[in-house]
Amino acid sequence: MRILPRAKAFRAAAVSLAALLPAGARAEGIDTEHLFGFMIGADVGNVGEREFQSETTGRFGKNGGRYRALGQEFELEFTPVQNFRVEIGSTFASHMFSSVPGLDDQRRFYWQGASLDLRYRFLDRETGPFGLTFATELHAKRVDEMTAEAVRGFGTEFRLAFDRELVPDRVIAAFNLIYEPEWTRLVGSGVMERESIAGVALGLMAQLRPGFLLGGEARYLRKYEGAALEELAGQALFVGPTAYFQLSNRSRLTASWSVQAWGRPAGTKASLDPVNFERHQARLVFGVSF
């Protein structure tokens, strides 16, 4: 019940912003490529399309103390051929936390690493029963995103994305299957750590007016020790609202916020898992085509 006022505030802010949208915001169809905050849709853009994107992600709250982690990624996206999209990105991050059990106090800003995202659409929902896209992201990092320790890390993210319009040009649903293995070597000690995350995500968005969609996302994630899902470390369920704004024919904005509604570290009977996951996650994505 504690999250209800925040959800109402988010909805009120989204509706107020929608009223400011230009009347000429595009009304044809629903493009799911950038519709969601923490999920992906099956659309990959039109051939020849180029975009610049700024993605800001905030993660807040752990198991005590004060924990704030911000990531800022700048990305360039290209669709060189039909049904295939390429994205390259560079990420900066900052950590501000103190008195968090198991973590050293940190207050720093740094360049974190680079990424390459490739997506191929196998099915177009306009001609098939649903949209289907396979996505893989490769990334290298210099600093651990949770602990802020100096590392040499490499990870991949595999997603299978499905989407389907439940009501044509009005309501759309999306589903993601997620697998994220990661290998991290700690600088100094040389210790190699391997971990992975597996999960599912479900999103639903409704177009309330041309260029403005409002809905929500739910994600169930399981974190494992070992890159091959070997030993369960913890699990969590995140839920929260998402809003999409088509600002103009060339620009867009997506805002999403998720709260850990349920979670459990392995071997406990707790109702939340603030050890392996954050209590709150937020994301703001701005994009412009050129």
Protein backbone atom coordinates (compact mmCIF):
# COMPACT_ATOMS: atom_id res chain seq x y z
CA MET A 1 0.00 0.00 0.00
CA ARG A 2 2.94 2.34 0.48
CA ILE A 3 3.62 2.56 -3.26
CA LEU A 4 0.10 3.70 -4.14
CA PRO A 5 0.67 7.48 -3.62
CA ARG A 6 3.79 7.35 -5.79
CA ALA A 7 1.96 5.47 -8.53
CA LYS A 8 -0.82 8.08 -8.45
CA ALA A 9 1.73 10.88 -8.62
CA PHE A 10 3.44 9.23 -11.62
CA ARG A 11 0.11 8.86 -13.42
CA ALA A 12 -0.86 12.45 -12.72
CA ALA A 13 2.50 13.72 -14.00
CA ALA A 14 2.20 11.57 -17.13
CA VAL A 15 -1.28 12.85 -17.92
CA SER A 16 -0.16 16.45 -17.38
CA LEU A 17 2.78 15.95 -19.75
CA ALA A 18 0.50 14.36 -22.31
CA ALA A 19 -1.60 17.50 -22.40
CA LEU A 20 1.51 19.38 -23.55
CA LEU A 21 2.21 17.09 -26.50
CA PRO A 22 2.08 18.79 -29.88
CA ALA A 23 -1.10 18.12 -31.82
CA GLY A 24 0.97 16.82 -34.72
CA ALA A 25 2.43 13.87 -32.79
CA ARG A 26 2.35 10.82 -34.98
CA ALA A 27 -0.84 8.77 -34.81
CA GLU A 28 -0.22 5.88 -37.16
CA GLY A 29 0.23 2.46 -35.56
CA ILE A 30 2.23 1.68 -32.43
CA ASP A 31 6.01 1.31 -32.64
CA THR A 32 7.27 -0.89 -29.79
CA GLU A 33 11.00 -0.42 -30.42
CA HIS A 34 11.34 2.18 -27.63
CA LEU A 35 7.95 1.88 -25.99
CA PHE A 36 9.07 0.26 -22.72
CA GLY A 37 11.57 1.22 -20.05
CA PHE A 38 13.04 -2.06 -18.75
CA MET A 39 11.76 -4.32 -21.54
CA ILE A 40 12.10 -4.33 -25.32
CA GLY A 41 9.50 -4.61 -28.04
CA ALA A 42 9.80 -6.61 -31.25
CA ASP A 43 10.06 -3.61 -33.61
CA VAL A 44 13.56 -2.72 -34.87
CA GLY A 45 13.02 0.41 -36.95
CA ASN A 46 12.85 1.08 -40.67
CA VAL A 47 15.73 0.53 -43.11
CA GLY A 48 18.06 3.53 -43.11
CA GLU A 49 16.78 4.86 -39.79
CA ARG A 50 19.36 6.45 -37.48
CA GLU A 51 18.83 7.57 -33.91
CA PHE A 52 20.69 9.04 -30.95
CA GLN A 53 19.50 7.93 -27.53
CA SER A 54 20.22 8.98 -23.95
CA GLU A 55 19.29 6.41 -21.29
CA THR A 56 19.45 7.33 -17.60
CA THR A 57 18.97 4.53 -15.05
CA GLY A 58 18.71 4.99 -11.30
CA ARG A 59 18.86 2.24 -8.69
CA PHE A 60 18.02 3.06 -5.08
CA GLY A 61 17.87 1.27 -1.73
CA LYS A 62 19.65 -1.80 -0.39
CA ASN A 63 19.60 -3.69 2.89
CA GLY A 64 20.32 -0.72 5.14
CA GLY A 65 22.26 2.52 4.88
CA ARG A 66 22.01 4.84 1.91
CA TYR A 67 22.41 3.51 -1.63
CA ARG A 68 22.15 5.45 -4.90
CA ALA A 69 23.58 4.32 -8.23
CA LEU A 70 23.10 6.20 -11.50
CA GLY A 71 24.02 5.07 -14.99
CA GLN A 72 24.07 7.31 -18.05
CA GLU A 73 24.37 5.61 -21.43
CA PHE A 74 24.69 7.37 -24.79
CA GLU A 75 23.79 5.25 -27.81
CA LEU A 76 23.74 5.39 -31.60
CA GLU A 77 21.27 3.14 -33.40
CA PHE A 78 21.21 2.06 -37.06
CA THR A 79 18.93 -0.15 -39.14
CA PRO A 80 21.18 -1.06 -42.10
CA VAL A 81 18.91 -3.75 -43.58
CA GLN A 82 15.37 -4.89 -43.11
CA ASN A 83 14.61 -6.50 -39.71
CA PHE A 84 18.14 -5.96 -38.34
CA ARG A 85 19.21 -3.22 -35.91
CA VAL A 86 22.65 -2.28 -34.56
CA GLU A 87 23.31 -0.15 -31.48
CA ILE A 88 26.63 0.98 -29.99
CA GLY A 89 26.82 2.67 -26.61
CA SER A 90 29.10 4.17 -24.00
CA THR A 91 28.18 4.34 -20.30
CA PHE A 92 29.09 6.68 -17.45
CA ALA A 93 28.05 5.97 -13.88
CA SER A 94 28.13 7.38 -10.37
CA HIS A 95 27.75 5.74 -6.97
CA MET A 96 26.78 7.42 -3.73
CA PHE A 97 26.29 5.05 -0.82
CA SER A 98 27.25 4.77 2.82
CA SER A 99 26.69 2.39 5.74
CA VAL A 100 25.38 -0.37 3.43
CA PRO A 101 26.14 -3.81 4.91
CA GLY A 102 28.78 -5.64 2.87
CA LEU A 103 29.77 -2.59 0.77
CA ASP A 104 32.49 0.01 1.25
CA ASP A 105 31.31 3.62 1.30
CA GLN A 106 31.57 5.17 -2.16
CA ARG A 107 31.12 8.57 -3.75
CA ARG A 108 32.51 8.63 -7.28
CA PHE A 109 31.81 9.30 -10.96
CA TYR A 110 33.52 7.40 -13.79
CA TRP A 111 33.38 6.02 -17.31
CA GLN A 112 32.05 2.50 -16.89
CA GLY A 113 32.35 0.84 -20.28
CA ALA A 114 30.97 0.21 -23.77
CA SER A 115 28.31 -1.99 -25.34
CA LEU A 116 27.11 -3.44 -28.65
CA ASP A 117 23.44 -4.38 -29.10
CA LEU A 118 22.23 -6.47 -32.06
CA ARG A 119 18.58 -7.27 -32.80
CA TYR A 120 16.96 -9.36 -35.51
CA ARG A 121 13.22 -9.55 -36.05
CA PHE A 122 12.00 -12.98 -37.14
CA LEU A 123 8.28 -12.15 -37.20
CA ASP A 124 6.48 -8.89 -37.91
CA ARG A 125 3.16 -8.66 -36.08
CA GLU A 126 1.71 -6.73 -39.03
CA THR A 127 1.96 -9.87 -41.18
CA GLY A 128 2.18 -12.62 -38.54
CA PRO A 129 0.32 -13.65 -35.40
CA PHE A 130 2.76 -11.66 -33.22
CA GLY A 131 6.08 -9.88 -33.36
CA LEU A 132 9.21 -11.89 -32.49
CA THR A 133 12.73 -10.49 -32.10
CA PHE A 134 15.97 -11.97 -30.78
CA ALA A 135 18.36 -9.47 -29.15
CA THR A 136 21.87 -9.86 -27.81
CA GLU A 137 23.94 -7.21 -26.06
CA LEU A 138 27.69 -7.49 -25.46
CA HIS A 139 29.25 -5.17 -22.91
CA ALA A 140 32.59 -4.59 -21.22
CA LYS A 141 32.99 -2.70 -17.94
CA ARG A 142 35.74 -1.21 -15.78
CA VAL A 143 33.67 -0.76 -12.61
CA ASP A 144 31.08 -3.03 -11.01
CA GLU A 145 27.63 -1.45 -11.28
CA MET A 146 26.53 -2.62 -7.81
CA THR A 147 29.66 -2.34 -5.62
CA ALA A 148 31.63 0.37 -7.55
CA GLU A 149 34.77 -1.78 -7.26
CA ALA A 150 37.41 -1.63 -10.02
CA VAL A 151 36.98 -4.70 -12.24
CA ARG A 152 37.58 -6.07 -15.70
CA GLY A 153 34.23 -7.45 -16.67
CA PHE A 154 32.46 -8.86 -19.70
CA GLY A 155 28.83 -9.81 -20.02
CA THR A 156 26.11 -10.65 -22.48
CA GLU A 157 22.38 -10.24 -22.43
CA PHE A 158 20.06 -12.43 -24.47
CA ARG A 159 16.40 -11.55 -24.93
CA LEU A 160 13.54 -13.07 -26.85
CA ALA A 161 10.85 -10.44 -27.30
CA PHE A 162 7.23 -11.05 -28.29
CA ASP A 163 4.54 -8.42 -28.81
CA ARG A 164 0.98 -8.27 -30.07
CA GLU A 165 -1.68 -5.59 -30.42
CA LEU A 166 -4.68 -6.63 -28.31
CA VAL A 167 -6.74 -3.71 -29.63
CA PRO A 168 -5.48 -2.36 -33.00
CA ASP A 169 -3.69 1.00 -32.61
CA ARG A 170 -4.86 1.16 -28.99
CA VAL A 171 -3.55 -1.56 -26.63
CA ILE A 172 -0.37 -3.63 -27.00
CA ALA A 173 1.18 -6.36 -24.85
CA ALA A 174 4.82 -7.52 -24.79
CA PHE A 175 6.64 -10.47 -23.24
CA ASN A 176 10.40 -10.95 -22.74
CA LEU A 177 12.52 -13.99 -21.89
CA ILE A 178 15.83 -12.91 -20.32
CA TYR A 179 19.22 -14.54 -19.76
CA GLU A 180 22.29 -12.52 -18.68
CA PRO A 181 25.60 -14.33 -17.97
CA GLU A 182 28.53 -12.25 -16.72
CA TRP A 183 32.24 -12.76 -15.94
CA THR A 184 34.04 -10.31 -13.66
CA ARG A 185 37.70 -10.21 -12.55
CA LEU A 186 38.46 -8.04 -9.50
CA VAL A 187 41.40 -5.68 -10.05
CA GLY A 188 44.14 -6.31 -7.51
CA SER A 189 43.11 -9.72 -6.23
CA GLY A 190 42.59 -11.28 -9.67
CA VAL A 191 39.59 -13.22 -8.35
CA MET A 192 37.18 -14.25 -11.12
CA GLU A 193 33.47 -14.07 -10.34
CA ARG A 194 30.77 -15.62 -12.51
CA GLU A 195 27.08 -14.90 -12.16
CA SER A 196 23.93 -14.86 -14.22
CA ILE A 197 20.35 -13.61 -14.21
CA ALA A 198 17.33 -15.29 -15.76
CA GLY A 199 13.84 -13.89 -15.87
CA VAL A 200 10.61 -13.05 -17.60
CA ALA A 201 8.92 -9.70 -18.14
CA LEU A 202 5.42 -8.65 -19.14
CA GLY A 203 4.32 -5.21 -20.28
CA LEU A 204 1.01 -3.66 -21.26
CA MET A 205 0.59 -0.20 -22.83
CA ALA A 206 -2.52 1.70 -23.91
CA GLN A 207 -2.57 4.66 -26.30
CA LEU A 208 -4.67 7.30 -24.55
CA ARG A 209 -4.18 9.84 -27.32
CA PRO A 210 -1.98 9.93 -30.44
CA GLY A 211 1.64 9.90 -29.33
CA PHE A 212 0.95 9.20 -25.65
CA LEU A 213 0.84 5.71 -24.15
CA LEU A 214 0.53 4.74 -20.51
CA GLY A 215 0.82 1.32 -18.90
CA GLY A 216 3.11 -0.80 -16.77
CA GLU A 217 5.76 -3.49 -16.61
CA ALA A 218 6.30 -6.51 -14.35
CA ARG A 219 9.61 -8.40 -14.19
CA TYR A 220 10.47 -11.57 -12.29
CA LEU A 221 14.25 -12.03 -11.99
CA ARG A 222 16.39 -14.83 -10.52
CA LYS A 223 20.08 -14.26 -9.79
CA TYR A 224 22.52 -17.19 -9.78
CA GLU A 225 26.11 -17.88 -8.82
CA GLY A 226 27.81 -19.18 -11.96
CA ALA A 227 27.29 -18.16 -15.56
CA ALA A 228 25.19 -21.23 -16.32
CA LEU A 229 22.45 -20.69 -13.71
CA GLU A 230 24.21 -22.99 -11.25
CA GLU A 231 23.27 -21.89 -7.71
CA LEU A 232 20.35 -19.61 -6.85
CA ALA A 233 21.41 -16.48 -4.95
CA GLY A 234 18.10 -14.61 -4.83
CA GLN A 235 14.95 -13.61 -6.66
CA ALA A 236 12.76 -10.55 -6.99
CA LEU A 237 9.56 -9.28 -8.59
CA PHE A 238 9.53 -5.68 -9.88
CA VAL A 239 6.36 -3.86 -10.88
CA GLY A 240 5.65 -0.27 -11.85
CA PRO A 241 4.24 2.22 -14.35
CA THR A 242 5.65 3.28 -17.72
CA ALA A 243 4.76 6.26 -19.90
CA TYR A 244 5.75 6.96 -23.51
CA PHE A 245 5.61 10.41 -25.13
CA GLN A 246 6.07 11.10 -28.83
CA LEU A 247 7.39 14.66 -28.47
CA SER A 248 7.62 15.34 -32.21
CA ASN A 249 8.05 13.47 -35.47
CA ARG A 250 11.72 12.98 -34.60
CA SER A 251 11.90 12.86 -30.79
CA ARG A 252 10.48 10.72 -28.00
CA LEU A 253 10.63 10.19 -24.26
CA THR A 254 10.02 7.07 -22.13
CA ALA A 255 9.76 7.18 -18.32
CA SER A 256 9.55 4.04 -16.18
CA TRP A 257 9.70 3.31 -12.46
CA SER A 258 9.73 -0.09 -10.73
CA VAL A 259 9.54 -1.11 -7.10
CA GLN A 260 10.57 -4.47 -5.69
CA ALA A 261 7.17 -5.82 -4.69
CA TRP A 262 8.51 -9.19 -3.54
CA GLY A 263 11.85 -10.90 -3.22
CA ARG A 264 13.83 -13.50 -1.32
CA PRO A 265 17.56 -14.21 -0.90
CA ALA A 266 18.30 -17.91 -1.19
CA GLY A 267 17.98 -19.80 2.09
CA THR A 268 15.76 -17.25 3.82
CA LYS A 269 12.06 -16.59 4.31
CA ALA A 270 12.30 -12.87 3.71
CA SER A 271 9.69 -11.00 1.67
CA LEU A 272 12.25 -8.79 -0.15
CA ASP A 273 15.77 -9.29 -1.52
CA PRO A 274 17.74 -6.05 -1.05
CA VAL A 275 21.03 -8.00 -1.12
CA ASN A 276 21.00 -9.05 -4.79
CA PHE A 277 18.60 -6.38 -6.10
CA GLU A 278 17.65 -2.78 -5.38
CA ARG A 279 14.38 -1.71 -3.78
CA HIS A 280 13.63 0.83 -6.52
CA GLN A 281 14.67 1.22 -10.15
CA ALA A 282 13.87 4.12 -12.49
CA ARG A 283 14.68 4.82 -16.13
CA LEU A 284 14.35 7.85 -18.41
CA VAL A 285 15.05 7.44 -22.13
CA PHE A 286 15.19 10.28 -24.63
CA GLY A 287 15.72 9.64 -28.32
CA VAL A 288 15.95 11.67 -31.51
CA SER A 289 16.23 10.51 -35.10
CA PHE A 290 18.51 12.21 -37.64
